[in-house]
Amino acid sequence: CACKETVNFYCLLTEFEFSDHQGFKNHRRLKHKNIVQVYELFVDELRSKIYSVLELARCREMFDVIHELGYYSESVAANIFKQILLAIQYLHAKGVCHRDLKPNNILVSDGKLLNQSLKCID
C-alpha cells in the first residue's frame, strides 16, 4: 500500500481482488465524525487496484496508546467507549457491520486524555 499526504487528505493505493471493491463503494456513503471519511474511489479494473482518497486523520492506533499508557482511567475509557458505540450505532443504522473492530482499527487523537476523539477505520 502506498500513501501520499496532501493538506487534508490521504491518497491511498490499495490492491484487492476486484470483487472486494463493493465494500469500498459502500464506505463512501458513510459520513460520521467517528469514522474515517472516504472522499473518492477509483477502481482500475485492468490492474485490479483500488485508489481511494481518505480523510487525513492525525491520530495513533488505540493499541499503541494503551500499550504506552498501560490503561485508561474510567472517565477516559467511558468517553472513548461512547464514541465507539456511536460509530457502531451509525454503521448499523446504515446496514453496515464492521466485522474487524479492534484497537488496531481505532485511531485516537493525541489531544488531552479526557478530550480524545477517535476514528474507526477499515
N, C-alpha and C. Protein backbone atom coordinates (compact mmCIF):
# COMPACT_ATOMS: atom_id res chain seq x y z
N CYS A 1 0.85 -1.16 0.00
CA CYS A 1 0.00 0.00 0.00
C CYS A 1 0.90 1.23 0.00
N ALA A 2 0.58 2.20 -0.81
CA ALA A 2 1.36 3.43 -0.90
C ALA A 2 0.51 4.60 -0.46
N CYS A 3 1.13 5.59 0.17
CA CYS A 3 0.40 6.72 0.70
C CYS A 3 1.06 8.02 0.29
N LYS A 4 0.25 9.04 -0.02
CA LYS A 4 0.78 10.36 -0.24
C LYS A 4 -0.08 11.34 0.54
N GLU A 5 0.54 12.10 1.42
CA GLU A 5 -0.20 13.04 2.25
C GLU A 5 -0.28 14.37 1.53
N THR A 6 -1.48 14.95 1.48
CA THR A 6 -1.66 16.32 0.99
C THR A 6 -2.12 17.14 2.19
N VAL A 7 -2.71 18.28 1.96
CA VAL A 7 -3.08 19.15 3.07
C VAL A 7 -4.09 18.48 4.01
N ASN A 8 -5.20 17.99 3.50
CA ASN A 8 -6.23 17.41 4.35
C ASN A 8 -6.67 16.01 3.95
N PHE A 9 -5.99 15.43 3.00
CA PHE A 9 -6.41 14.13 2.51
C PHE A 9 -5.22 13.19 2.40
N TYR A 10 -5.51 11.91 2.40
CA TYR A 10 -4.52 10.91 2.03
C TYR A 10 -4.99 10.30 0.72
N CYS A 11 -4.07 10.05 -0.18
CA CYS A 11 -4.39 9.27 -1.37
C CYS A 11 -3.77 7.91 -1.12
N LEU A 12 -4.58 6.89 -1.08
CA LEU A 12 -4.13 5.57 -0.68
C LEU A 12 -4.31 4.59 -1.82
N LEU A 13 -3.25 3.91 -2.19
CA LEU A 13 -3.31 2.87 -3.21
C LEU A 13 -3.44 1.53 -2.51
N THR A 14 -4.51 0.84 -2.79
CA THR A 14 -4.71 -0.47 -2.19
C THR A 14 -4.94 -1.49 -3.29
N GLU A 15 -4.49 -2.68 -3.06
CA GLU A 15 -4.67 -3.76 -4.03
C GLU A 15 -5.59 -4.81 -3.45
N PHE A 16 -6.70 -5.03 -4.11
CA PHE A 16 -7.67 -6.02 -3.69
C PHE A 16 -8.14 -6.78 -4.91
N GLU A 17 -8.69 -7.96 -4.66
CA GLU A 17 -9.37 -8.65 -5.75
C GLU A 17 -10.55 -7.78 -6.12
N PHE A 18 -10.89 -7.77 -7.38
CA PHE A 18 -11.91 -6.84 -7.86
C PHE A 18 -13.24 -7.03 -7.15
N SER A 19 -13.55 -8.22 -6.71
CA SER A 19 -14.83 -8.47 -6.04
C SER A 19 -14.92 -7.74 -4.70
N ASP A 20 -13.78 -7.33 -4.14
CA ASP A 20 -13.76 -6.67 -2.84
C ASP A 20 -14.11 -5.19 -2.90
N HIS A 21 -14.20 -4.61 -4.08
CA HIS A 21 -14.37 -3.16 -4.16
C HIS A 21 -15.75 -2.67 -3.76
N GLN A 22 -16.74 -3.54 -3.68
CA GLN A 22 -18.08 -3.12 -3.30
C GLN A 22 -18.12 -2.54 -1.89
N GLY A 23 -17.34 -3.12 -0.98
CA GLY A 23 -17.27 -2.59 0.38
C GLY A 23 -16.75 -1.16 0.40
N PHE A 24 -15.78 -0.87 -0.45
CA PHE A 24 -15.25 0.49 -0.54
C PHE A 24 -16.31 1.44 -1.07
N LYS A 25 -17.09 1.00 -2.06
CA LYS A 25 -18.16 1.86 -2.59
C LYS A 25 -19.17 2.18 -1.50
N ASN A 26 -19.50 1.20 -0.67
CA ASN A 26 -20.44 1.44 0.43
C ASN A 26 -19.86 2.40 1.45
N HIS A 27 -18.55 2.34 1.65
CA HIS A 27 -17.89 3.20 2.64
C HIS A 27 -18.00 4.67 2.25
N ARG A 28 -18.07 4.98 0.97
CA ARG A 28 -18.15 6.38 0.51
C ARG A 28 -19.40 7.08 1.01
N ARG A 29 -20.47 6.33 1.23
CA ARG A 29 -21.73 6.97 1.65
C ARG A 29 -21.79 7.21 3.16
N LEU A 30 -20.78 6.73 3.90
CA LEU A 30 -20.77 6.89 5.35
C LEU A 30 -20.17 8.24 5.74
N LYS A 31 -20.91 8.99 6.54
CA LYS A 31 -20.43 10.30 6.98
C LYS A 31 -20.73 10.44 8.47
N HIS A 32 -19.70 10.23 9.28
CA HIS A 32 -19.85 10.30 10.74
C HIS A 32 -18.54 10.78 11.33
N LYS A 33 -18.62 11.57 12.38
CA LYS A 33 -17.41 12.16 12.97
C LYS A 33 -16.45 11.13 13.54
N ASN A 34 -16.92 9.90 13.81
CA ASN A 34 -16.05 8.87 14.38
C ASN A 34 -15.70 7.78 13.39
N ILE A 35 -15.86 8.06 12.10
CA ILE A 35 -15.50 7.11 11.04
C ILE A 35 -14.68 7.85 10.00
N VAL A 36 -13.52 7.31 9.62
CA VAL A 36 -12.68 7.96 8.62
C VAL A 36 -13.46 8.05 7.31
N GLN A 37 -13.51 9.25 6.75
CA GLN A 37 -14.28 9.52 5.54
C GLN A 37 -13.53 9.09 4.28
N VAL A 38 -14.22 8.39 3.39
CA VAL A 38 -13.70 8.09 2.06
C VAL A 38 -14.29 9.14 1.13
N TYR A 39 -13.43 9.98 0.54
CA TYR A 39 -13.93 11.06 -0.32
C TYR A 39 -14.11 10.63 -1.76
N GLU A 40 -13.21 9.83 -2.26
CA GLU A 40 -13.28 9.42 -3.66
C GLU A 40 -12.71 8.04 -3.80
N LEU A 41 -13.19 7.36 -4.83
CA LEU A 41 -12.77 5.99 -5.08
C LEU A 41 -12.59 5.80 -6.57
N PHE A 42 -11.45 5.26 -6.95
CA PHE A 42 -11.16 4.98 -8.35
C PHE A 42 -10.80 3.51 -8.48
N VAL A 43 -11.53 2.81 -9.31
CA VAL A 43 -11.30 1.38 -9.49
C VAL A 43 -10.65 1.17 -10.86
N ASP A 44 -9.47 0.57 -10.86
CA ASP A 44 -8.76 0.22 -12.08
C ASP A 44 -9.02 -1.26 -12.34
N GLU A 45 -9.98 -1.54 -13.20
CA GLU A 45 -10.37 -2.92 -13.47
C GLU A 45 -9.26 -3.71 -14.17
N LEU A 46 -8.46 -3.04 -14.98
CA LEU A 46 -7.39 -3.73 -15.71
C LEU A 46 -6.31 -4.25 -14.77
N ARG A 47 -5.98 -3.48 -13.75
CA ARG A 47 -4.92 -3.88 -12.82
C ARG A 47 -5.46 -4.44 -11.51
N SER A 48 -6.78 -4.47 -11.37
CA SER A 48 -7.43 -4.93 -10.13
C SER A 48 -6.92 -4.17 -8.91
N LYS A 49 -6.84 -2.84 -9.05
CA LYS A 49 -6.39 -1.99 -7.95
C LYS A 49 -7.46 -0.95 -7.64
N ILE A 50 -7.47 -0.55 -6.40
CA ILE A 50 -8.39 0.47 -5.95
C ILE A 50 -7.58 1.65 -5.42
N TYR A 51 -7.89 2.84 -5.89
CA TYR A 51 -7.27 4.06 -5.40
C TYR A 51 -8.34 4.81 -4.61
N SER A 52 -8.02 5.23 -3.41
CA SER A 52 -9.01 5.94 -2.62
C SER A 52 -8.40 7.19 -2.00
N VAL A 53 -9.23 8.23 -1.88
CA VAL A 53 -8.84 9.46 -1.23
C VAL A 53 -9.57 9.49 0.10
N LEU A 54 -8.79 9.48 1.18
CA LEU A 54 -9.35 9.37 2.53
C LEU A 54 -9.11 10.64 3.33
N GLU A 55 -9.94 10.84 4.32
CA GLU A 55 -9.74 11.90 5.29
C GLU A 55 -8.38 11.73 5.97
N LEU A 56 -7.70 12.82 6.17
CA LEU A 56 -6.43 12.79 6.89
C LEU A 56 -6.73 12.77 8.39
N ALA A 57 -6.33 11.72 9.05
CA ALA A 57 -6.57 11.57 10.49
C ALA A 57 -5.22 11.58 11.19
N ARG A 58 -4.94 12.65 11.88
CA ARG A 58 -3.67 12.76 12.62
C ARG A 58 -3.86 12.14 14.00
N CYS A 59 -3.80 10.84 14.02
CA CYS A 59 -4.08 10.07 15.23
C CYS A 59 -3.11 8.91 15.34
N ARG A 60 -3.23 8.19 16.46
CA ARG A 60 -2.46 6.96 16.65
C ARG A 60 -3.42 5.82 16.90
N GLU A 61 -2.94 4.60 16.62
CA GLU A 61 -3.77 3.43 16.89
C GLU A 61 -4.01 3.31 18.40
N MET A 62 -5.23 2.97 18.75
CA MET A 62 -5.56 2.80 20.17
C MET A 62 -4.67 1.75 20.81
N PHE A 63 -4.33 0.71 20.07
CA PHE A 63 -3.46 -0.34 20.59
C PHE A 63 -2.15 0.25 21.09
N ASP A 64 -1.54 1.16 20.30
CA ASP A 64 -0.27 1.78 20.69
C ASP A 64 -0.43 2.66 21.93
N VAL A 65 -1.55 3.39 21.98
CA VAL A 65 -1.79 4.28 23.12
C VAL A 65 -1.97 3.47 24.40
N ILE A 66 -2.76 2.40 24.34
CA ILE A 66 -2.96 1.55 25.51
C ILE A 66 -1.64 0.92 25.95
N HIS A 67 -0.86 0.47 24.97
CA HIS A 67 0.44 -0.14 25.29
C HIS A 67 1.36 0.87 25.99
N GLU A 68 1.33 2.10 25.53
CA GLU A 68 2.18 3.14 26.11
C GLU A 68 1.71 3.56 27.50
N LEU A 69 0.40 3.77 27.67
CA LEU A 69 -0.14 4.23 28.95
C LEU A 69 -0.31 3.10 29.96
N GLY A 70 -0.58 1.91 29.46
CA GLY A 70 -0.86 0.78 30.34
C GLY A 70 -2.34 0.60 30.59
N TYR A 71 -3.07 1.71 30.70
CA TYR A 71 -4.52 1.66 30.94
C TYR A 71 -5.09 3.05 30.73
N TYR A 72 -6.41 3.12 30.63
CA TYR A 72 -7.14 4.38 30.63
C TYR A 72 -7.86 4.51 31.96
N SER A 73 -8.05 5.73 32.44
CA SER A 73 -8.89 5.93 33.62
C SER A 73 -10.34 5.62 33.22
N GLU A 74 -11.19 5.42 34.21
CA GLU A 74 -12.58 5.07 33.92
C GLU A 74 -13.28 6.18 33.12
N SER A 75 -13.04 7.44 33.45
CA SER A 75 -13.70 8.54 32.75
C SER A 75 -13.24 8.65 31.30
N VAL A 76 -11.95 8.46 31.05
CA VAL A 76 -11.43 8.49 29.68
C VAL A 76 -11.96 7.30 28.90
N ALA A 77 -11.94 6.13 29.51
CA ALA A 77 -12.45 4.92 28.84
C ALA A 77 -13.93 5.07 28.50
N ALA A 78 -14.70 5.68 29.40
CA ALA A 78 -16.14 5.88 29.14
C ALA A 78 -16.34 6.80 27.95
N ASN A 79 -15.55 7.87 27.85
CA ASN A 79 -15.64 8.80 26.71
C ASN A 79 -15.30 8.08 25.40
N ILE A 80 -14.24 7.32 25.41
CA ILE A 80 -13.82 6.60 24.19
C ILE A 80 -14.85 5.54 23.82
N PHE A 81 -15.31 4.78 24.80
CA PHE A 81 -16.29 3.72 24.53
C PHE A 81 -17.58 4.30 23.97
N LYS A 82 -17.99 5.47 24.49
CA LYS A 82 -19.19 6.14 23.97
C LYS A 82 -19.04 6.46 22.49
N GLN A 83 -17.86 6.96 22.10
CA GLN A 83 -17.62 7.29 20.70
C GLN A 83 -17.62 6.04 19.81
N ILE A 84 -17.06 4.95 20.32
CA ILE A 84 -17.08 3.69 19.57
C ILE A 84 -18.52 3.24 19.37
N LEU A 85 -19.32 3.30 20.43
CA LEU A 85 -20.72 2.88 20.33
C LEU A 85 -21.52 3.78 19.38
N LEU A 86 -21.23 5.08 19.37
CA LEU A 86 -21.91 5.97 18.43
C LEU A 86 -21.57 5.61 16.98
N ALA A 87 -20.31 5.28 16.74
CA ALA A 87 -19.91 4.87 15.39
C ALA A 87 -20.59 3.56 14.99
N ILE A 88 -20.62 2.60 15.90
CA ILE A 88 -21.27 1.30 15.62
C ILE A 88 -22.76 1.49 15.39
N GLN A 89 -23.39 2.32 16.22
CA GLN A 89 -24.82 2.59 16.06
C GLN A 89 -25.10 3.19 14.68
N TYR A 90 -24.27 4.13 14.26
CA TYR A 90 -24.42 4.74 12.94
C TYR A 90 -24.26 3.70 11.83
N LEU A 91 -23.21 2.88 11.93
CA LEU A 91 -22.98 1.83 10.93
C LEU A 91 -24.18 0.89 10.83
N HIS A 92 -24.67 0.45 11.96
CA HIS A 92 -25.80 -0.49 11.96
C HIS A 92 -27.05 0.16 11.39
N ALA A 93 -27.26 1.45 11.66
CA ALA A 93 -28.41 2.16 11.10
C ALA A 93 -28.33 2.23 9.58
N LYS A 94 -27.10 2.20 9.05
CA LYS A 94 -26.88 2.23 7.60
C LYS A 94 -26.80 0.82 7.00
N GLY A 95 -27.00 -0.21 7.84
CA GLY A 95 -26.96 -1.58 7.37
C GLY A 95 -25.56 -2.12 7.16
N VAL A 96 -24.58 -1.55 7.89
CA VAL A 96 -23.18 -1.95 7.74
C VAL A 96 -22.71 -2.59 9.04
N CYS A 97 -21.97 -3.68 8.93
CA CYS A 97 -21.34 -4.34 10.07
C CYS A 97 -19.83 -4.23 9.90
N HIS A 98 -19.13 -3.74 10.91
CA HIS A 98 -17.68 -3.51 10.79
C HIS A 98 -16.90 -4.80 10.59
N ARG A 99 -17.14 -5.83 11.35
CA ARG A 99 -16.55 -7.16 11.28
C ARG A 99 -15.07 -7.25 11.65
N ASP A 100 -14.40 -6.15 11.95
CA ASP A 100 -12.99 -6.21 12.35
C ASP A 100 -12.66 -5.10 13.34
N LEU A 101 -13.55 -4.87 14.29
CA LEU A 101 -13.34 -3.80 15.26
C LEU A 101 -12.39 -4.29 16.35
N LYS A 102 -11.24 -3.64 16.43
CA LYS A 102 -10.20 -3.99 17.40
C LYS A 102 -9.34 -2.75 17.63
N PRO A 103 -8.53 -2.70 18.67
CA PRO A 103 -7.74 -1.50 18.96
C PRO A 103 -6.87 -1.02 17.79
N ASN A 104 -6.42 -1.92 16.93
CA ASN A 104 -5.60 -1.51 15.79
C ASN A 104 -6.42 -0.75 14.74
N ASN A 105 -7.76 -0.91 14.75
CA ASN A 105 -8.61 -0.25 13.77
C ASN A 105 -9.38 0.92 14.36
N ILE A 106 -8.89 1.42 15.49
CA ILE A 106 -9.46 2.61 16.11
C ILE A 106 -8.31 3.60 16.28
N LEU A 107 -8.46 4.77 15.68
CA LEU A 107 -7.46 5.82 15.80
C LEU A 107 -7.88 6.80 16.87
N VAL A 108 -6.93 7.18 17.73
CA VAL A 108 -7.20 8.08 18.84
C VAL A 108 -6.37 9.34 18.66
N SER A 109 -7.01 10.50 18.87
CA SER A 109 -6.29 11.77 18.73
C SER A 109 -5.23 11.89 19.82
N ASP A 110 -4.26 12.74 19.56
CA ASP A 110 -3.18 12.94 20.52
C ASP A 110 -3.49 14.06 21.51
N GLY A 111 -4.74 14.48 21.59
CA GLY A 111 -5.11 15.56 22.49
C GLY A 111 -5.09 15.13 23.95
N LYS A 112 -5.61 15.97 24.81
CA LYS A 112 -5.70 15.65 26.24
C LYS A 112 -6.53 14.39 26.40
N LEU A 113 -6.14 13.55 27.34
CA LEU A 113 -6.79 12.25 27.51
C LEU A 113 -8.30 12.35 27.65
N LEU A 114 -8.78 13.29 28.44
CA LEU A 114 -10.22 13.37 28.68
C LEU A 114 -10.99 13.85 27.45
N ASN A 115 -10.31 14.54 26.54
CA ASN A 115 -10.97 15.08 25.35
C ASN A 115 -10.60 14.33 24.07
N GLN A 116 -10.05 13.15 24.19
CA GLN A 116 -9.63 12.42 22.99
C GLN A 116 -10.81 12.09 22.11
N SER A 117 -10.62 12.27 20.81
CA SER A 117 -11.62 11.85 19.86
C SER A 117 -11.05 10.67 19.10
N LEU A 118 -11.93 9.89 18.50
CA LEU A 118 -11.45 8.72 17.80
C LEU A 118 -12.11 8.57 16.44
N LYS A 119 -11.47 7.77 15.60
CA LYS A 119 -11.95 7.46 14.26
C LYS A 119 -11.82 5.95 14.06
N CYS A 120 -12.90 5.33 13.61
CA CYS A 120 -12.86 3.91 13.25
C CYS A 120 -12.39 3.82 11.81
N ILE A 121 -11.53 2.84 11.54
CA ILE A 121 -11.01 2.63 10.20
C ILE A 121 -11.26 1.18 9.78
N ASP A 122 -10.92 0.89 8.52
CA ASP A 122 -11.07 -0.44 7.92
C ASP A 122 -12.51 -0.84 7.87
